[in-house]
């Protein structure tokens, strides 16, 4: 049935529903997903066998029913005389590898980052399953023009900002020295502040004044003063 659909309508299966029937009791059901539409019976059977190895079967098997729950147009690539880009064959092999790993470990464990136009830096990158069609489309959506990605950001950023002690010349002024894990850092240069603030509809109100500081040792850090007055280390520049 899958092969017939692919051949007749130039479509491939992207989501399979598998039902394993037993002599008594309810059947065992599970799904198979693919990164790209596939008409390869061998590839789809490999994915089904992989899931069967991971799925507890309570009784002997009477029959197995496989249904193409989702079908999509097959991708086609024109042969190029001078190919300076990525090899489509390699792309297909990578997609099949992702299919096998995702269906063996579970698609929630094979993820990739998605850039989101969020003012709060630690929420600007989210991890989504590679097999999720929504995440595939999201990669083509550029961030908002006024999102935080347009500013200079550190390559290394903490998931949870680290509380630090900061000394300033005047209250609410830029830092001249800060203490991180009992180590003192004297600031030689400082840029900022850059205010980042979330809207009231987000629940907890976030308001931060960020500073990019360079210490006497040449290291550069990303610090912010929260609305409560406390200071935090959020990232390091390399």
Protein backbone atom coordinates (compact mmCIF):
# COMPACT_ATOMS: atom_id res chain seq x y z
CA UNK A 1 0.00 0.00 0.00
CA UNK A 2 2.78 2.46 0.85
CA UNK A 3 4.65 1.70 -2.36
CA UNK A 4 1.47 2.15 -4.40
CA UNK A 5 0.78 5.57 -2.90
CA UNK A 6 4.34 6.73 -3.53
CA UNK A 7 4.46 5.48 -7.10
CA UNK A 8 1.02 6.69 -8.13
CA UNK A 9 0.98 10.15 -6.60
CA UNK A 10 4.71 10.90 -6.29
CA UNK A 11 4.25 10.86 -2.53
CA UNK A 12 6.13 9.19 0.27
CA UNK A 13 5.18 8.12 3.76
CA UNK A 14 6.26 10.41 6.60
CA UNK A 15 4.24 8.94 9.45
CA UNK A 16 3.27 5.27 9.83
CA UNK A 17 0.81 3.81 12.31
CA UNK A 18 1.66 0.20 13.21
CA UNK A 19 -0.83 -2.13 14.89
CA UNK A 20 0.30 -5.53 16.17
CA UNK A 21 -2.62 -7.89 16.84
CA UNK A 22 -2.58 -10.65 19.50
CA UNK A 23 -4.80 -13.72 20.04
CA UNK A 24 -6.44 -12.07 23.05
CA UNK A 25 -6.43 -8.64 24.55
CA UNK A 26 -5.84 -5.23 22.96
CA UNK A 27 -3.34 -4.76 20.13
CA UNK A 28 0.08 -3.12 20.53
CA UNK A 29 0.21 0.24 18.73
CA UNK A 30 3.12 2.53 17.94
CA UNK A 31 4.09 5.13 15.34
CA UNK A 32 7.06 5.56 13.00
CA UNK A 33 8.23 8.99 11.83
CA UNK A 34 10.68 10.06 9.13
CA UNK A 35 12.55 13.31 8.59
CA UNK A 36 11.71 13.35 4.85
CA UNK A 37 8.96 11.53 2.93
CA UNK A 38 10.16 8.04 1.96
CA UNK A 39 9.03 5.47 -0.58
CA UNK A 40 11.76 3.00 0.36
CA UNK A 41 10.06 -0.13 1.69
CA UNK A 42 13.42 -1.36 2.98
CA UNK A 43 14.05 1.84 4.94
CA UNK A 44 10.55 1.85 6.46
CA UNK A 45 10.82 -1.83 7.40
CA UNK A 46 14.14 -1.14 9.14
CA UNK A 47 12.41 1.54 11.24
CA UNK A 48 9.53 -0.79 12.11
CA UNK A 49 11.95 -3.55 13.13
CA UNK A 50 13.89 -1.04 15.25
CA UNK A 51 10.73 -0.05 17.12
CA UNK A 52 9.67 -3.67 17.56
CA UNK A 53 13.00 -4.37 19.27
CA UNK A 54 12.23 -1.59 21.78
CA UNK A 55 8.51 -2.32 22.25
CA UNK A 56 7.33 -4.94 24.80
CA UNK A 57 5.16 -7.57 23.08
CA UNK A 58 2.89 -9.23 25.71
CA UNK A 59 1.72 -12.13 23.53
CA UNK A 60 2.41 -13.89 20.29
CA UNK A 61 1.70 -11.93 17.12
CA UNK A 62 -1.27 -12.79 14.91
CA UNK A 63 -0.88 -10.03 12.35
CA UNK A 64 0.78 -6.68 11.76
CA UNK A 65 -1.06 -3.80 10.13
CA UNK A 66 0.89 -0.82 8.77
CA UNK A 67 -0.95 2.31 7.63
CA UNK A 68 0.48 5.49 6.12
CA UNK A 69 -1.01 8.10 8.45
CA UNK A 70 0.80 11.01 6.79
CA UNK A 71 2.08 11.25 3.23
CA UNK A 72 3.91 14.12 1.52
CA UNK A 73 5.41 14.92 -1.85
CA UNK A 74 8.73 13.27 -2.53
CA UNK A 75 11.78 15.48 -2.82
CA UNK A 76 13.55 15.47 -6.17
CA UNK A 77 16.99 16.82 -7.05
CA UNK A 78 18.18 17.69 -10.52
CA UNK A 79 21.63 16.44 -11.42
CA UNK A 80 24.10 19.30 -11.71
CA UNK A 81 27.11 19.40 -14.00
CA UNK A 82 29.18 21.34 -11.49
CA UNK A 83 28.05 20.55 -7.96
CA UNK A 84 29.51 23.06 -5.51
CA UNK A 85 26.87 22.51 -2.86
CA UNK A 86 25.97 19.68 -0.51
CA UNK A 87 25.59 16.20 -1.93
CA UNK A 88 21.88 15.18 -2.00
CA UNK A 89 22.93 11.57 -1.47
CA UNK A 90 24.69 12.50 1.74
CA UNK A 91 21.64 14.48 2.84
CA UNK A 92 19.41 11.45 2.30
CA UNK A 93 21.81 9.21 4.24
CA UNK A 94 21.85 11.71 7.12
CA UNK A 95 18.05 11.87 7.10
CA UNK A 96 17.84 8.08 7.29
CA UNK A 97 20.32 8.02 10.17
CA UNK A 98 18.20 10.57 12.04
CA UNK A 99 15.12 8.43 11.36
CA UNK A 100 16.76 5.32 12.82
CA UNK A 101 18.11 7.09 15.92
CA UNK A 102 14.85 8.97 16.56
CA UNK A 103 12.71 5.86 16.30
CA UNK A 104 15.10 3.83 18.47
CA UNK A 105 15.59 6.39 21.25
CA UNK A 106 12.36 8.35 20.84
CA UNK A 107 11.97 11.56 18.87
CA UNK A 108 12.00 13.69 22.04
CA UNK A 109 15.66 12.70 22.55
CA UNK A 110 16.90 13.71 19.09
CA UNK A 111 16.58 17.48 19.02
CA UNK A 112 18.09 20.56 17.49
CA UNK A 113 18.12 24.22 18.54
CA UNK A 114 15.55 26.69 17.32
CA UNK A 115 16.19 30.44 17.51
CA UNK A 116 13.21 32.29 18.93
CA UNK A 117 12.66 36.07 18.91
CA UNK A 118 12.50 36.40 22.69
CA UNK A 119 13.78 39.38 24.65
CA UNK A 120 14.84 37.16 27.55
CA UNK A 121 18.21 35.68 26.42
CA UNK A 122 17.93 32.26 28.09
CA UNK A 123 14.58 31.69 26.33
CA UNK A 124 15.81 32.70 22.87
CA UNK A 125 16.93 29.14 22.01
CA UNK A 126 14.64 26.18 22.39
CA UNK A 127 15.22 22.51 21.67
CA UNK A 128 12.71 20.75 19.45
CA UNK A 129 12.53 17.24 17.96
CA UNK A 130 14.18 17.01 14.55
CA UNK A 131 11.25 14.96 13.25
CA UNK A 132 8.78 17.65 14.25
CA UNK A 133 7.60 19.27 11.02
CA UNK A 134 7.00 22.53 12.88
CA UNK A 135 10.67 22.79 13.83
CA UNK A 136 11.64 22.17 10.19
CA UNK A 137 9.56 25.14 9.10
CA UNK A 138 10.75 27.29 11.99
CA UNK A 139 14.34 27.21 10.72
CA UNK A 140 13.21 29.23 7.71
CA UNK A 141 11.56 31.91 9.84
CA UNK A 142 13.98 34.76 10.61
CA UNK A 143 13.97 36.28 14.09
CA UNK A 144 12.16 39.54 14.68
CA UNK A 145 14.16 42.60 13.55
CA UNK A 146 14.38 43.97 17.09
CA UNK A 147 15.20 40.68 18.79
CA UNK A 148 18.20 40.27 21.08
CA UNK A 149 20.19 38.43 18.38
CA UNK A 150 20.84 41.78 16.66
CA UNK A 151 23.11 42.88 19.53
CA UNK A 152 26.47 41.56 20.58
CA UNK A 153 26.00 38.44 22.66
CA UNK A 154 28.50 36.07 24.28
CA UNK A 155 29.22 32.70 22.70
CA UNK A 156 29.09 31.04 26.12
CA UNK A 157 25.90 31.82 28.00
CA UNK A 158 24.66 30.21 31.21
CA UNK A 159 21.28 28.54 31.23
CA UNK A 160 20.76 29.94 34.72
CA UNK A 161 22.48 33.26 35.56
CA UNK A 162 24.97 33.06 38.43
CA UNK A 163 24.58 35.51 41.32
CA UNK A 164 27.71 37.63 41.93
CA UNK A 165 28.76 40.50 44.19
CA UNK A 166 29.47 43.78 42.43
CA UNK A 167 31.12 47.04 43.53
CA UNK A 168 30.13 50.33 41.87
CA UNK A 169 31.24 53.94 42.37
CA UNK A 170 27.64 55.15 42.63
CA UNK A 171 24.40 53.26 43.30
CA UNK A 172 22.94 51.74 40.12
CA UNK A 173 26.16 52.64 38.32
CA UNK A 174 28.39 50.41 36.16
CA UNK A 175 30.51 47.75 37.90
CA UNK A 176 34.12 48.47 38.73
CA UNK A 177 34.78 45.10 40.36
CA UNK A 178 32.87 41.87 40.88
CA UNK A 179 33.41 38.69 42.88
CA UNK A 180 32.61 35.31 41.33
CA UNK A 181 33.11 32.16 43.39
CA UNK A 182 35.48 33.93 45.79
CA UNK A 183 37.59 35.30 42.91
CA UNK A 184 37.86 39.07 42.41
CA UNK A 185 37.71 40.58 38.90
CA UNK A 186 38.69 44.22 38.43
CA UNK A 187 36.92 45.91 35.52
CA UNK A 188 39.12 47.91 33.14
CA UNK A 189 36.52 48.69 30.45
CA UNK A 190 32.74 48.61 30.42
CA UNK A 191 29.97 48.96 27.81
CA UNK A 192 26.31 49.56 28.61
CA UNK A 193 23.81 49.49 30.06
CA UNK A 194 21.47 47.69 27.66
CA UNK A 195 18.03 47.25 29.15
CA UNK A 196 16.05 44.07 28.48
CA UNK A 197 12.49 44.01 29.74
CA UNK A 198 9.56 41.63 29.22
CA UNK A 199 5.90 42.57 29.01
CA UNK A 200 3.39 42.33 31.83
CA UNK A 201 1.53 39.53 30.00
CA UNK A 202 4.48 37.17 30.55
CA UNK A 203 3.64 36.77 34.23
CA UNK A 204 6.84 37.40 36.20
CA UNK A 205 8.19 40.82 35.21
CA UNK A 206 11.80 40.68 33.99
CA UNK A 207 13.85 43.89 33.87
CA UNK A 208 17.63 43.76 33.50
CA UNK A 209 20.43 46.21 32.75
CA UNK A 210 23.22 44.36 30.94
CA UNK A 211 26.89 45.39 30.89
CA UNK A 212 29.71 43.96 28.83
CA UNK A 213 32.84 44.28 30.95
CA UNK A 214 36.50 43.60 30.31
CA UNK A 215 38.73 42.79 33.25
CA UNK A 216 42.41 43.60 33.76
CA UNK A 217 43.26 40.03 32.72
CA UNK A 218 41.63 40.58 29.32
CA UNK A 219 38.54 38.43 29.96
CA UNK A 220 35.13 39.75 28.93
CA UNK A 221 31.94 38.96 30.80
CA UNK A 222 28.24 39.72 30.44
CA UNK A 223 26.74 40.99 33.69
CA UNK A 224 23.32 42.34 34.48
CA UNK A 225 21.64 44.11 37.34
CA UNK A 226 18.14 42.79 37.99
CA UNK A 227 15.18 44.96 38.91
CA UNK A 228 15.58 43.81 42.50
CA UNK A 229 19.09 45.28 42.58
CA UNK A 230 21.02 42.00 42.58
CA UNK A 231 23.82 41.32 40.09
CA UNK A 232 24.26 38.21 37.96
CA UNK A 233 26.83 36.75 35.57
CA UNK A 234 25.08 35.53 32.43
CA UNK A 235 27.84 34.79 29.93
CA UNK A 236 31.47 35.01 28.85
CA UNK A 237 32.91 36.34 25.59
CA UNK A 238 35.72 34.49 23.83
